């Protein structure tokens, strides 16, 4: 769901675990944030009524990273890596090796994840923009993360903390992660 967006499948998964309310509760618990910071009305994220704070988004990334570690996996196994994975992010001028999830509706655009830098290490970030056409927000997001890399230096390879533990030929261990 994080590398290739499939809204009907996401909705089906949410219903299978008890609906948007249960997903919201579990996400807040995983992120270590108050439940009021995540409000979901469906599993796909479609609809302006679905909301979360930037702190909740970063908490979710960190929680996912923590859940994956015992399985020799990282967030890079389940979220798109710029410059390596296919998808909508390939067409955006984002820094190579950023591990990010994006989302857009007509008046909302989000971008969050992990930005590896040479001087500051990994920077976890979340940007939620709303109010006008989402394409304008994408340009601002791209400029911001590229400015961070300009300021703190680009990395020449993916840091081990973000490097996927699964190789395409090794077979999947994802079934073991719950």
N, C-alpha and C. Protein backbone atom coordinates (compact mmCIF):
# COMPACT_ATOMS: atom_id res chain seq x y z
N UNK A 1 0.81 -1.19 0.00
CA UNK A 1 0.00 0.00 0.00
C UNK A 1 0.86 1.27 0.00
N UNK A 2 2.08 1.18 0.46
CA UNK A 2 2.90 2.38 0.57
C UNK A 2 3.74 2.65 -0.66
N UNK A 3 4.03 1.63 -1.46
CA UNK A 3 4.81 1.87 -2.67
C UNK A 3 3.90 2.06 -3.87
N UNK A 4 2.82 1.35 -3.93
CA UNK A 4 1.84 1.51 -4.99
C UNK A 4 0.49 1.68 -4.33
N UNK A 5 -0.14 2.80 -4.54
CA UNK A 5 -1.41 3.11 -3.88
C UNK A 5 -2.55 2.37 -4.56
N UNK A 6 -3.29 1.59 -3.78
CA UNK A 6 -4.44 0.86 -4.28
C UNK A 6 -5.57 1.11 -3.29
N UNK A 7 -6.37 2.12 -3.54
CA UNK A 7 -7.40 2.54 -2.60
C UNK A 7 -8.45 1.47 -2.31
N UNK A 8 -8.97 0.74 -3.30
CA UNK A 8 -9.94 -0.31 -2.98
C UNK A 8 -9.34 -1.41 -2.09
N UNK A 9 -8.08 -1.77 -2.34
CA UNK A 9 -7.43 -2.79 -1.52
C UNK A 9 -7.23 -2.28 -0.09
N UNK A 10 -6.83 -1.02 0.07
CA UNK A 10 -6.64 -0.44 1.40
C UNK A 10 -7.96 -0.45 2.17
N UNK A 11 -9.04 -0.12 1.49
CA UNK A 11 -10.35 -0.13 2.13
C UNK A 11 -10.74 -1.54 2.57
N UNK A 12 -10.44 -2.53 1.73
CA UNK A 12 -10.73 -3.92 2.06
C UNK A 12 -9.94 -4.36 3.31
N UNK A 13 -8.64 -4.02 3.34
CA UNK A 13 -7.81 -4.37 4.50
C UNK A 13 -8.35 -3.74 5.77
N UNK A 14 -8.73 -2.47 5.70
CA UNK A 14 -9.27 -1.78 6.88
C UNK A 14 -10.53 -2.48 7.39
N UNK A 15 -11.42 -2.84 6.48
CA UNK A 15 -12.64 -3.55 6.90
C UNK A 15 -12.32 -4.89 7.53
N UNK A 16 -11.29 -5.58 7.00
CA UNK A 16 -10.93 -6.90 7.53
C UNK A 16 -10.43 -6.84 8.97
N UNK A 17 -9.86 -5.73 9.39
CA UNK A 17 -9.35 -5.62 10.76
C UNK A 17 -10.31 -4.88 11.68
N UNK A 18 -11.50 -4.54 11.17
CA UNK A 18 -12.49 -3.93 12.04
C UNK A 18 -12.94 -2.54 11.65
N UNK A 19 -12.43 -2.00 10.57
CA UNK A 19 -12.87 -0.70 10.09
C UNK A 19 -11.92 0.43 10.41
N UNK A 20 -12.27 1.59 9.90
CA UNK A 20 -11.41 2.77 10.02
C UNK A 20 -11.15 3.15 11.47
N UNK A 21 -12.14 3.00 12.35
CA UNK A 21 -11.96 3.34 13.76
C UNK A 21 -10.90 2.49 14.43
N UNK A 22 -10.91 1.19 14.15
CA UNK A 22 -9.91 0.27 14.72
C UNK A 22 -8.52 0.59 14.16
N UNK A 23 -8.46 0.84 12.85
CA UNK A 23 -7.18 1.19 12.23
C UNK A 23 -6.64 2.47 12.87
N UNK A 24 -7.51 3.44 13.09
CA UNK A 24 -7.11 4.70 13.71
C UNK A 24 -6.55 4.47 15.11
N UNK A 25 -7.23 3.65 15.91
CA UNK A 25 -6.77 3.34 17.27
C UNK A 25 -5.42 2.64 17.26
N UNK A 26 -5.28 1.64 16.41
CA UNK A 26 -4.01 0.90 16.33
C UNK A 26 -2.87 1.80 15.84
N UNK A 27 -3.18 2.67 14.88
CA UNK A 27 -2.15 3.58 14.36
C UNK A 27 -1.70 4.55 15.44
N UNK A 28 -2.64 5.09 16.21
CA UNK A 28 -2.27 6.02 17.29
C UNK A 28 -1.42 5.31 18.33
N UNK A 29 -1.76 4.08 18.65
CA UNK A 29 -0.98 3.31 19.62
C UNK A 29 0.43 3.06 19.09
N UNK A 30 0.54 2.64 17.85
CA UNK A 30 1.85 2.39 17.24
C UNK A 30 2.69 3.65 17.19
N UNK A 31 2.05 4.79 16.88
CA UNK A 31 2.78 6.05 16.77
C UNK A 31 3.11 6.65 18.13
N UNK A 32 2.46 6.16 19.18
CA UNK A 32 2.70 6.70 20.51
C UNK A 32 2.17 8.11 20.67
N UNK A 33 1.03 8.37 20.05
CA UNK A 33 0.45 9.71 20.10
C UNK A 33 -1.00 9.61 20.57
N UNK A 34 -1.58 10.72 21.03
CA UNK A 34 -2.99 10.71 21.44
C UNK A 34 -3.90 10.31 20.27
N UNK A 35 -4.93 9.50 20.53
CA UNK A 35 -5.84 9.08 19.46
C UNK A 35 -6.47 10.25 18.70
N UNK A 36 -6.62 11.40 19.33
CA UNK A 36 -7.22 12.55 18.65
C UNK A 36 -6.38 13.06 17.49
N UNK A 37 -5.12 12.64 17.40
CA UNK A 37 -4.26 13.11 16.31
C UNK A 37 -4.40 12.29 15.03
N UNK A 38 -5.22 11.24 15.07
CA UNK A 38 -5.49 10.45 13.86
C UNK A 38 -6.99 10.24 13.77
N UNK A 39 -7.59 10.75 12.71
CA UNK A 39 -9.02 10.60 12.47
C UNK A 39 -9.21 9.99 11.10
N UNK A 40 -9.79 8.80 11.06
CA UNK A 40 -10.01 8.11 9.79
C UNK A 40 -11.49 7.80 9.62
N UNK A 41 -11.99 8.01 8.41
CA UNK A 41 -13.37 7.63 8.10
C UNK A 41 -13.41 6.43 7.15
N UNK A 42 -12.25 6.08 6.59
CA UNK A 42 -12.18 4.92 5.70
C UNK A 42 -10.74 4.42 5.67
N UNK A 43 -10.51 3.33 4.99
CA UNK A 43 -9.18 2.74 4.94
C UNK A 43 -8.29 3.28 3.84
N UNK A 44 -8.87 3.96 2.87
CA UNK A 44 -8.08 4.42 1.72
C UNK A 44 -7.40 5.76 1.95
N UNK A 45 -7.93 6.54 2.87
CA UNK A 45 -7.40 7.88 3.07
C UNK A 45 -8.06 8.90 2.16
N UNK A 46 -8.97 8.45 1.30
CA UNK A 46 -9.67 9.39 0.42
C UNK A 46 -10.74 10.12 1.21
N UNK A 47 -10.71 11.41 1.13
CA UNK A 47 -11.69 12.24 1.83
C UNK A 47 -11.00 13.18 2.80
N UNK A 48 -11.41 14.42 2.79
CA UNK A 48 -10.79 15.42 3.65
C UNK A 48 -11.05 15.16 5.13
N UNK A 49 -12.02 14.31 5.45
CA UNK A 49 -12.31 13.98 6.84
C UNK A 49 -11.23 13.08 7.44
N UNK A 50 -10.47 12.39 6.61
CA UNK A 50 -9.32 11.61 7.08
C UNK A 50 -8.22 12.60 7.41
N UNK A 51 -7.78 12.62 8.66
CA UNK A 51 -6.77 13.60 9.07
C UNK A 51 -5.83 12.99 10.08
N UNK A 52 -4.59 13.46 10.06
CA UNK A 52 -3.63 13.14 11.10
C UNK A 52 -2.65 14.28 11.22
N UNK A 53 -2.05 14.38 12.38
CA UNK A 53 -1.07 15.44 12.59
C UNK A 53 0.26 15.02 11.96
N UNK A 54 1.11 15.98 11.62
CA UNK A 54 2.45 15.62 11.15
C UNK A 54 3.21 14.78 12.19
N UNK A 55 3.02 15.08 13.47
CA UNK A 55 3.67 14.29 14.53
C UNK A 55 3.21 12.83 14.47
N UNK A 56 1.91 12.63 14.21
CA UNK A 56 1.39 11.26 14.09
C UNK A 56 2.01 10.55 12.89
N UNK A 57 2.17 11.26 11.77
CA UNK A 57 2.77 10.64 10.58
C UNK A 57 4.20 10.20 10.86
N UNK A 58 4.99 11.06 11.49
CA UNK A 58 6.36 10.69 11.82
C UNK A 58 6.37 9.54 12.82
N UNK A 59 5.47 9.59 13.80
CA UNK A 59 5.36 8.49 14.75
C UNK A 59 5.05 7.17 14.07
N UNK A 60 4.20 7.20 13.05
CA UNK A 60 3.89 5.98 12.31
C UNK A 60 5.10 5.44 11.57
N UNK A 61 5.85 6.33 10.92
CA UNK A 61 7.07 5.87 10.25
C UNK A 61 8.02 5.21 11.25
N UNK A 62 8.23 5.85 12.39
CA UNK A 62 9.14 5.30 13.40
C UNK A 62 8.60 4.00 14.00
N UNK A 63 7.29 3.94 14.20
CA UNK A 63 6.68 2.71 14.71
C UNK A 63 6.80 1.56 13.73
N UNK A 64 6.59 1.83 12.45
CA UNK A 64 6.76 0.80 11.42
C UNK A 64 8.20 0.33 11.39
N UNK A 65 9.14 1.27 11.46
CA UNK A 65 10.56 0.92 11.46
C UNK A 65 10.86 -0.03 12.63
N UNK A 66 10.32 0.29 13.80
CA UNK A 66 10.56 -0.53 14.99
C UNK A 66 9.94 -1.93 14.84
N UNK A 67 8.74 -2.01 14.29
CA UNK A 67 8.09 -3.31 14.07
C UNK A 67 8.87 -4.19 13.09
N UNK A 68 9.51 -3.57 12.12
CA UNK A 68 10.21 -4.33 11.08
C UNK A 68 11.59 -4.82 11.51
N UNK A 69 12.23 -4.13 12.44
CA UNK A 69 13.61 -4.47 12.82
C UNK A 69 13.80 -5.93 13.23
N UNK A 70 12.94 -6.52 14.05
CA UNK A 70 13.16 -7.93 14.41
C UNK A 70 13.12 -8.90 13.23
N UNK A 71 12.61 -8.42 12.10
CA UNK A 71 12.50 -9.25 10.90
C UNK A 71 13.58 -8.91 9.88
N UNK A 72 14.63 -8.21 10.34
CA UNK A 72 15.73 -7.77 9.47
C UNK A 72 15.21 -6.96 8.29
N UNK A 73 14.21 -6.12 8.56
CA UNK A 73 13.63 -5.25 7.55
C UNK A 73 13.69 -3.81 8.04
N UNK A 74 13.51 -2.88 7.13
CA UNK A 74 13.46 -1.45 7.45
C UNK A 74 12.24 -0.84 6.77
N UNK A 75 12.00 0.42 7.07
CA UNK A 75 10.92 1.13 6.40
C UNK A 75 11.17 1.18 4.89
N UNK A 76 12.42 1.05 4.46
CA UNK A 76 12.73 0.98 3.03
C UNK A 76 12.18 -0.25 2.34
N UNK A 77 11.80 -1.27 3.12
CA UNK A 77 11.15 -2.46 2.54
C UNK A 77 9.70 -2.20 2.18
N UNK A 78 9.07 -1.22 2.84
CA UNK A 78 7.62 -1.05 2.68
C UNK A 78 7.20 0.33 2.19
N UNK A 79 8.14 1.25 2.06
CA UNK A 79 7.85 2.60 1.58
C UNK A 79 8.79 2.88 0.40
N UNK A 80 8.32 3.64 -0.56
CA UNK A 80 9.10 3.90 -1.78
C UNK A 80 10.42 4.61 -1.49
N UNK A 81 11.45 4.18 -2.19
CA UNK A 81 12.77 4.79 -2.12
C UNK A 81 12.99 5.54 -3.43
N UNK A 82 13.18 6.86 -3.31
CA UNK A 82 13.35 7.70 -4.50
C UNK A 82 14.62 7.28 -5.24
N UNK A 83 14.49 7.07 -6.54
CA UNK A 83 15.62 6.66 -7.37
C UNK A 83 15.76 5.16 -7.50
N UNK A 84 14.96 4.41 -6.73
CA UNK A 84 15.04 2.95 -6.81
C UNK A 84 13.71 2.29 -7.13
N UNK A 85 12.63 2.83 -6.62
CA UNK A 85 11.32 2.20 -6.79
C UNK A 85 10.51 2.89 -7.87
N UNK A 86 9.64 2.13 -8.51
CA UNK A 86 8.73 2.67 -9.51
C UNK A 86 7.59 3.40 -8.80
N UNK A 87 6.86 4.18 -9.55
CA UNK A 87 5.68 4.83 -9.00
C UNK A 87 5.69 6.32 -9.27
N UNK A 88 4.70 6.99 -8.70
CA UNK A 88 4.49 8.41 -8.95
C UNK A 88 5.68 9.25 -8.50
N UNK A 89 6.40 8.81 -7.49
CA UNK A 89 7.52 9.60 -7.00
C UNK A 89 8.67 9.69 -7.99
N UNK A 90 8.72 8.76 -8.93
CA UNK A 90 9.79 8.76 -9.93
C UNK A 90 9.77 10.02 -10.78
N UNK A 91 8.59 10.58 -10.97
CA UNK A 91 8.47 11.78 -11.81
C UNK A 91 8.69 13.07 -11.03
N UNK A 92 8.83 12.97 -9.72
CA UNK A 92 9.02 14.18 -8.91
C UNK A 92 10.50 14.41 -8.63
N UNK A 93 10.97 15.66 -8.67
CA UNK A 93 12.38 15.94 -8.41
C UNK A 93 12.69 15.94 -6.90
N UNK A 94 12.70 14.75 -6.34
CA UNK A 94 13.00 14.57 -4.91
C UNK A 94 14.41 14.02 -4.76
N UNK A 95 15.04 14.25 -3.61
CA UNK A 95 16.41 13.77 -3.42
C UNK A 95 16.49 12.24 -3.48
N UNK A 96 17.51 11.78 -4.18
CA UNK A 96 17.76 10.34 -4.28
C UNK A 96 17.96 9.76 -2.88
N UNK A 97 17.41 8.58 -2.65
CA UNK A 97 17.49 7.82 -1.41
C UNK A 97 16.54 8.31 -0.33
N UNK A 98 15.71 9.32 -0.60
CA UNK A 98 14.65 9.66 0.35
C UNK A 98 13.67 8.49 0.36
N UNK A 99 13.20 8.12 1.54
CA UNK A 99 12.23 7.03 1.70
C UNK A 99 10.93 7.71 2.09
N UNK A 100 10.00 7.83 1.13
CA UNK A 100 8.86 8.70 1.35
C UNK A 100 7.54 8.11 0.90
N UNK A 101 6.50 8.63 1.51
CA UNK A 101 5.11 8.35 1.12
C UNK A 101 4.47 9.68 0.80
N UNK A 102 3.75 9.75 -0.30
CA UNK A 102 3.03 10.95 -0.68
C UNK A 102 1.54 10.64 -0.72
N UNK A 103 0.76 11.68 -0.72
CA UNK A 103 -0.68 11.53 -0.86
C UNK A 103 -1.27 12.84 -1.35
N UNK A 104 -2.29 12.75 -2.20
CA UNK A 104 -2.88 13.97 -2.74
C UNK A 104 -4.38 13.81 -2.94
N UNK A 105 -5.09 14.87 -2.66
CA UNK A 105 -6.46 15.10 -3.09
C UNK A 105 -6.40 16.44 -3.82
N UNK A 106 -7.51 16.92 -4.33
CA UNK A 106 -7.46 18.14 -5.13
C UNK A 106 -6.92 19.35 -4.37
N UNK A 107 -7.23 19.46 -3.09
CA UNK A 107 -6.80 20.63 -2.33
C UNK A 107 -5.83 20.29 -1.20
N UNK A 108 -5.27 19.08 -1.24
CA UNK A 108 -4.37 18.63 -0.19
C UNK A 108 -3.22 17.86 -0.82
N UNK A 109 -2.01 18.06 -0.28
CA UNK A 109 -0.87 17.26 -0.70
C UNK A 109 -0.01 16.99 0.53
N UNK A 110 0.44 15.74 0.66
CA UNK A 110 1.28 15.37 1.79
C UNK A 110 2.55 14.70 1.28
N UNK A 111 3.60 14.84 2.06
CA UNK A 111 4.86 14.16 1.78
C UNK A 111 5.53 13.95 3.12
N UNK A 112 5.95 12.74 3.37
CA UNK A 112 6.64 12.46 4.62
C UNK A 112 7.51 11.24 4.50
N UNK A 113 8.43 11.10 5.45
CA UNK A 113 9.30 9.94 5.47
C UNK A 113 10.66 10.25 6.03
N UNK A 114 11.66 9.62 5.48
CA UNK A 114 13.03 9.73 5.97
C UNK A 114 13.91 10.32 4.87
N UNK A 115 14.65 11.35 5.24
CA UNK A 115 15.55 12.02 4.31
C UNK A 115 16.98 11.85 4.81
N UNK A 116 17.77 10.99 4.17
CA UNK A 116 19.16 10.84 4.61
C UNK A 116 20.02 12.01 4.15
N UNK A 117 20.80 12.57 5.07
CA UNK A 117 21.71 13.67 4.74
C UNK A 117 23.10 13.32 5.23
N UNK A 118 24.10 13.91 4.60
CA UNK A 118 25.49 13.62 4.95
C UNK A 118 25.86 14.16 6.33
N UNK A 119 25.42 15.36 6.68
CA UNK A 119 25.84 15.99 7.93
C UNK A 119 24.92 15.71 9.11
N UNK A 120 23.63 15.61 8.90
CA UNK A 120 22.67 15.45 10.00
C UNK A 120 22.12 14.04 10.13
N UNK A 121 22.54 13.14 9.25
CA UNK A 121 21.99 11.79 9.30
C UNK A 121 20.59 11.75 8.73
N UNK A 122 19.76 10.89 9.29
CA UNK A 122 18.40 10.72 8.78
C UNK A 122 17.49 11.74 9.45
N UNK A 123 16.76 12.48 8.61
CA UNK A 123 15.79 13.46 9.08
C UNK A 123 14.41 12.90 8.78
N UNK A 124 13.62 12.68 9.81
CA UNK A 124 12.23 12.23 9.64
C UNK A 124 11.37 13.48 9.52
N UNK A 125 10.50 13.52 8.54
CA UNK A 125 9.72 14.72 8.29
C UNK A 125 8.31 14.39 7.80
N UNK A 126 7.42 15.35 7.94
CA UNK A 126 6.06 15.24 7.40
C UNK A 126 5.58 16.64 7.04
N UNK A 127 5.07 16.78 5.83
CA UNK A 127 4.51 18.05 5.37
C UNK A 127 3.09 17.79 4.89
N UNK A 128 2.17 18.54 5.43
CA UNK A 128 0.76 18.45 5.04
C UNK A 128 0.35 19.84 4.58
N UNK A 129 0.01 20.00 3.31
CA UNK A 129 -0.37 21.29 2.76
C UNK A 129 -1.80 21.21 2.26
N UNK A 130 -2.58 22.26 2.51
CA UNK A 130 -3.95 22.30 2.04
C UNK A 130 -4.41 23.70 1.76
N UNK A 131 -5.40 23.82 0.88
CA UNK A 131 -6.00 25.12 0.63
C UNK A 131 -6.15 25.49 -0.82
N UNK A 132 -5.28 25.02 -1.68
CA UNK A 132 -5.43 25.31 -3.12
C UNK A 132 -5.07 24.05 -3.89
N UNK A 133 -4.68 24.18 -5.11
CA UNK A 133 -4.41 23.03 -5.97
C UNK A 133 -3.15 22.28 -5.53
N UNK A 134 -3.22 20.97 -5.44
CA UNK A 134 -2.13 20.17 -4.88
C UNK A 134 -0.82 20.25 -5.65
N UNK A 135 -0.86 20.50 -6.94
CA UNK A 135 0.39 20.59 -7.71
C UNK A 135 1.29 21.71 -7.19
N UNK A 136 0.68 22.82 -6.76
CA UNK A 136 1.47 23.92 -6.19
C UNK A 136 2.19 23.45 -4.93
N UNK A 137 1.51 22.68 -4.12
CA UNK A 137 2.11 22.18 -2.87
C UNK A 137 3.27 21.24 -3.16
N UNK A 138 3.12 20.41 -4.17
CA UNK A 138 4.21 19.48 -4.51
C UNK A 138 5.49 20.24 -4.82
N UNK A 139 5.39 21.31 -5.58
CA UNK A 139 6.59 22.11 -5.90
C UNK A 139 7.23 22.66 -4.63
N UNK A 140 6.41 23.12 -3.69
CA UNK A 140 6.95 23.65 -2.43
C UNK A 140 7.62 22.54 -1.61
N UNK A 141 7.00 21.37 -1.57
CA UNK A 141 7.57 20.24 -0.83
C UNK A 141 8.91 19.83 -1.43
N UNK A 142 8.95 19.73 -2.74
CA UNK A 142 10.18 19.34 -3.43
C UNK A 142 11.29 20.36 -3.16
N UNK A 143 10.95 21.64 -3.23
CA UNK A 143 11.94 22.68 -2.97
C UNK A 143 12.46 22.58 -1.53
N UNK A 144 11.58 22.32 -0.59
CA UNK A 144 11.98 22.26 0.82
C UNK A 144 12.95 21.11 1.08
N UNK A 145 12.61 19.89 0.64
CA UNK A 145 13.49 18.75 0.92
C UNK A 145 14.80 18.87 0.14
N UNK A 146 14.75 19.43 -1.06
CA UNK A 146 15.99 19.64 -1.81
C UNK A 146 16.86 20.70 -1.14
N UNK A 147 16.24 21.69 -0.53
CA UNK A 147 17.00 22.69 0.22
C UNK A 147 17.70 22.05 1.42
N UNK A 148 17.03 21.14 2.11
CA UNK A 148 17.66 20.44 3.24
C UNK A 148 18.89 19.66 2.77
N UNK A 149 18.77 18.98 1.65
CA UNK A 149 19.91 18.23 1.13
C UNK A 149 21.02 19.17 0.68
N UNK A 150 20.66 20.30 0.08
CA UNK A 150 21.68 21.29 -0.30
C UNK A 150 22.42 21.80 0.93
N UNK A 151 21.69 22.01 2.00
CA UNK A 151 22.28 22.55 3.22
C UNK A 151 23.11 21.51 3.97
N UNK A 152 22.61 20.28 4.05
CA UNK A 152 23.26 19.27 4.89
C UNK A 152 23.95 18.16 4.11
N UNK A 153 23.95 18.24 2.80
CA UNK A 153 24.70 17.30 1.98
C UNK A 153 23.93 16.05 1.59
N UNK A 154 24.16 15.64 0.35
CA UNK A 154 23.55 14.42 -0.18
C UNK A 154 24.37 13.21 0.26
N UNK A 155 23.72 12.08 0.34
CA UNK A 155 24.42 10.83 0.63
C UNK A 155 24.68 10.11 -0.69
N UNK A 156 25.73 9.30 -0.72
CA UNK A 156 26.07 8.59 -1.95
C UNK A 156 25.44 7.21 -2.02
N UNK A 157 24.88 6.76 -0.91
CA UNK A 157 24.19 5.47 -0.90
C UNK A 157 23.15 5.49 0.22
N UNK A 158 22.27 4.55 0.17
CA UNK A 158 21.21 4.44 1.17
C UNK A 158 21.81 4.00 2.50
N UNK A 159 21.55 4.72 3.59
CA UNK A 159 22.08 4.29 4.90
C UNK A 159 21.51 2.94 5.30
N UNK A 160 22.30 2.18 6.06
CA UNK A 160 21.86 0.83 6.45
C UNK A 160 20.55 0.85 7.23
N UNK A 161 20.27 1.95 7.96
CA UNK A 161 19.03 2.03 8.73
C UNK A 161 17.79 2.09 7.84
N UNK A 162 17.97 2.41 6.57
CA UNK A 162 16.85 2.50 5.63
C UNK A 162 16.94 1.46 4.52
N UNK A 163 18.06 0.78 4.42
CA UNK A 163 18.27 -0.17 3.33
C UNK A 163 17.33 -1.37 3.49
N UNK A 164 16.63 -1.72 2.42
CA UNK A 164 15.73 -2.87 2.50
C UNK A 164 16.47 -4.15 2.87
N UNK A 165 15.83 -4.93 3.72
CA UNK A 165 16.39 -6.22 4.12
C UNK A 165 15.99 -7.34 3.18
N UNK A 166 14.98 -7.08 2.37
CA UNK A 166 14.51 -8.07 1.41
C UNK A 166 15.11 -7.78 0.05
N UNK A 167 15.58 -8.80 -0.60
CA UNK A 167 15.99 -8.61 -1.99
C UNK A 167 14.90 -9.22 -2.86
N UNK A 168 14.72 -8.73 -4.07
CA UNK A 168 13.65 -9.25 -4.92
C UNK A 168 13.77 -10.74 -5.19
N UNK A 169 14.95 -11.32 -5.04
CA UNK A 169 15.12 -12.74 -5.34
C UNK A 169 15.16 -13.61 -4.08
N UNK A 170 15.13 -13.00 -2.89
CA UNK A 170 15.28 -13.80 -1.68
C UNK A 170 13.98 -14.40 -1.19
N UNK A 171 12.86 -14.00 -1.77
CA UNK A 171 11.58 -14.46 -1.27
C UNK A 171 11.09 -13.49 -0.21
N UNK A 172 9.83 -13.55 0.06
CA UNK A 172 9.25 -12.58 0.97
C UNK A 172 9.16 -13.09 2.39
N UNK A 173 9.50 -12.22 3.34
CA UNK A 173 9.30 -12.51 4.75
C UNK A 173 8.19 -11.65 5.32
N UNK A 174 7.50 -10.92 4.49
CA UNK A 174 6.49 -9.97 4.94
C UNK A 174 5.36 -10.68 5.67
N UNK A 175 5.02 -11.91 5.30
CA UNK A 175 3.92 -12.62 5.94
C UNK A 175 4.13 -12.74 7.45
N UNK A 176 5.37 -12.73 7.92
CA UNK A 176 5.67 -12.90 9.33
C UNK A 176 5.44 -11.65 10.15
N UNK A 177 5.38 -10.48 9.50
CA UNK A 177 5.20 -9.21 10.20
C UNK A 177 3.72 -8.99 10.44
N UNK A 178 3.32 -8.79 11.70
CA UNK A 178 1.89 -8.56 12.01
C UNK A 178 1.70 -7.31 12.79
